[in-house]
Protein backbone atom coordinates (compact mmCIF):
# COMPACT_ATOMS: atom_id res chain seq x y z
CA MET A 1 225.05 143.70 78.34
CA HIS A 2 222.49 146.45 78.78
CA GLN A 3 223.64 150.01 78.05
CA PRO A 4 221.67 153.04 79.31
CA ASN A 5 221.96 154.92 75.99
CA ASP A 6 220.51 152.08 73.93
CA ASP A 7 218.08 153.42 71.26
CA ASN A 8 215.77 150.42 71.67
CA GLU A 9 215.08 151.17 75.34
CA ILE A 10 211.39 151.44 76.19
CA ILE A 11 210.22 154.58 77.97
CA SER A 12 208.39 153.34 81.02
CA GLY A 13 206.98 156.68 82.25
CA ILE A 14 205.68 159.97 80.97
CA ASN A 15 207.39 163.18 81.99
CA VAL A 16 204.58 165.34 83.38
CA THR A 17 206.73 168.34 84.26
CA PRO A 18 205.99 170.24 81.01
CA LEU A 19 202.27 169.52 81.44
CA VAL A 20 202.31 170.88 84.99
CA ASP A 21 204.20 173.97 83.80
CA ILE A 22 201.62 174.66 81.11
CA MET A 23 198.73 174.15 83.53
CA LEU A 24 200.23 176.60 86.04
CA VAL A 25 200.74 179.21 83.32
CA LEU A 26 197.13 178.74 82.16
CA LEU A 27 195.89 179.03 85.74
CA ILE A 28 197.73 182.32 86.18
CA ILE A 29 196.37 183.64 82.88
CA PHE A 30 192.79 182.69 83.82
CA MET A 31 193.17 184.31 87.23
CA LEU A 32 194.38 187.56 85.66
CA VAL A 33 191.74 187.61 82.93
CA SER A 34 188.90 186.83 85.32
CA THR A 35 189.46 190.15 87.12
CA PHE A 36 188.77 192.00 83.87
CA VAL A 37 185.74 190.02 82.76
CA ASP A 38 182.30 191.43 83.54
CA PHE A 39 180.17 188.48 84.65
CA THR A 40 176.80 190.15 84.25
CA ALA A 41 174.82 188.10 81.77
CA ILE A 42 171.71 190.26 81.67
CA LYS A 43 171.44 192.27 78.47
CA VAL A 44 170.75 195.87 79.44
CA GLU A 45 170.85 198.61 76.81
CA LEU A 46 172.03 201.66 78.75
CA PRO A 47 170.85 205.19 78.04
CA ARG A 48 173.54 207.54 76.78
CA ALA A 49 175.06 210.61 78.48
CA ALA A 50 177.90 212.99 77.70
CA THR A 51 179.02 213.29 81.33
CA GLY A 52 179.83 210.73 83.96
CA GLU A 53 182.75 209.12 85.71
CA ALA A 54 183.90 205.69 86.77
CA LEU A 55 183.38 204.53 90.37
CA HIS A 56 186.19 202.92 92.33
CA THR A 57 184.61 201.78 95.61
CA GLU A 58 182.83 198.62 96.70
CA THR A 59 179.60 198.54 94.79
CA VAL A 60 176.44 196.52 94.36
CA SER A 61 174.99 196.42 90.88
CA VAL A 62 171.20 196.56 90.65
CA MET A 63 169.81 196.06 87.16
CA ILE A 64 166.33 196.45 85.74
CA SER A 65 165.79 194.57 82.49
CA LYS A 66 163.48 195.88 79.78
CA GLU A 67 160.94 193.31 81.01
CA GLY A 68 161.00 195.02 84.43
CA GLU A 69 162.83 192.20 86.23
CA TYR A 70 165.33 193.04 88.97
CA TYR A 71 168.85 191.60 89.20
CA ILE A 72 171.49 192.11 91.87
CA SER A 73 175.03 191.33 90.76
CA GLY A 74 173.65 189.21 87.92
CA LYS A 75 171.22 187.16 90.04
CA LYS A 76 167.49 187.51 89.44
CA ILE A 77 165.54 188.75 92.45
CA PRO A 78 161.94 187.47 92.43
CA SER A 79 160.33 190.53 94.06
CA PHE A 80 160.92 194.23 94.54
CA LYS A 81 160.67 193.85 98.34
CA LEU A 82 163.52 191.33 98.36
CA VAL A 83 165.72 193.89 96.63
CA GLY A 84 165.21 196.15 99.66
CA VAL A 85 165.95 193.31 102.09
CA PHE A 86 169.17 192.49 100.25
CA LEU A 87 170.28 196.14 100.19
CA ARG A 88 169.64 196.58 103.93
CA GLU A 89 171.75 193.49 104.65
CA LYS A 90 174.56 194.80 102.44
CA LYS A 91 174.40 198.17 104.24
CA LYS A 92 174.83 196.39 107.59
CA GLU A 93 177.88 194.53 106.25
CA ASN A 94 179.47 197.66 104.78
CA PRO A 95 178.19 201.12 105.77
CA ASP A 96 180.08 202.75 102.86
CA ILE A 97 178.46 200.57 100.19
CA GLN A 98 177.59 202.16 96.89
CA VAL A 99 174.88 201.06 94.45
CA ILE A 100 175.05 201.30 90.68
CA ILE A 101 171.67 201.30 88.96
CA SER A 102 171.65 199.89 85.43
CA ALA A 103 168.23 200.21 83.88
CA ASP A 104 167.41 199.46 80.29
CA LYS A 105 166.51 202.64 78.42
CA LYS A 106 163.04 201.23 77.75
CA VAL A 107 162.26 200.84 81.47
CA TYR A 108 159.68 203.30 82.76
CA HIS A 109 161.06 206.20 84.78
CA GLU A 110 158.73 205.21 87.63
CA LYS A 111 160.63 201.93 88.19
CA VAL A 112 163.98 203.73 88.40
CA VAL A 113 162.60 206.32 90.84
CA GLY A 114 161.07 203.53 92.92
CA LEU A 115 164.43 201.78 93.04
CA ILE A 116 166.15 205.02 94.11
CA ASP A 117 163.59 205.38 96.93
CA LEU A 118 164.23 201.77 97.97
CA ILE A 119 167.99 202.39 98.01
CA ARG A 120 167.55 205.48 100.19
CA LYS A 121 165.17 203.64 102.54
CA ALA A 122 167.89 201.01 102.98
CA GLY A 123 170.13 203.82 104.27
CA ILE A 124 172.38 203.91 101.22
CA LEU A 125 173.08 207.47 100.14
CA LYS A 126 175.79 206.75 97.59
CA PHE A 127 174.37 205.57 94.30
CA ALA A 128 174.88 206.19 90.61
CA ILE A 129 172.94 205.55 87.44
CA ASN A 130 174.93 203.65 84.84
CA VAL A 131 174.84 205.18 81.36
CA GLU A 132 176.62 204.67 78.07
CA LEU A 133 178.82 207.71 77.34
CA ILE A 134 178.46 209.50 74.02
CA ASP A 135 180.59 212.19 72.39
CA GLU A 136 177.86 214.81 72.00
CA PRO A 137 174.57 215.24 73.87
CA GLY A 138 171.41 214.73 71.84
CA ASN A 139 172.77 212.03 69.52
CA GLY A 140 171.14 209.11 71.28
């Protein structure tokens, strides 16, 4: 006679409930962590400044690498004119858009000024220049 508590009974299935529990916990952790991760992969060495503040509105990040290449939100833009086209489109989508300029400290001032002009021509009046904060001015 077959008894249900027999030690020689073969397990015919795998209990996947603990696996599903772990996967859901991992999914939640990844979702939370992804909001804190900065996805920009372009290496930009920011100039330093003693003053500045964090921005808390919808922003578009425009970066200029030390090679003079333009990136918007981490994506390389092949020409300077296309940066302007993209910014005008973003301005149409959101009139209160703000632009953060991140230029490598070795980029010529002329490129940064040209980008500021392009931002203003797109109708965007709110912009900031991203810098690395230091404790005392003149140490960088």
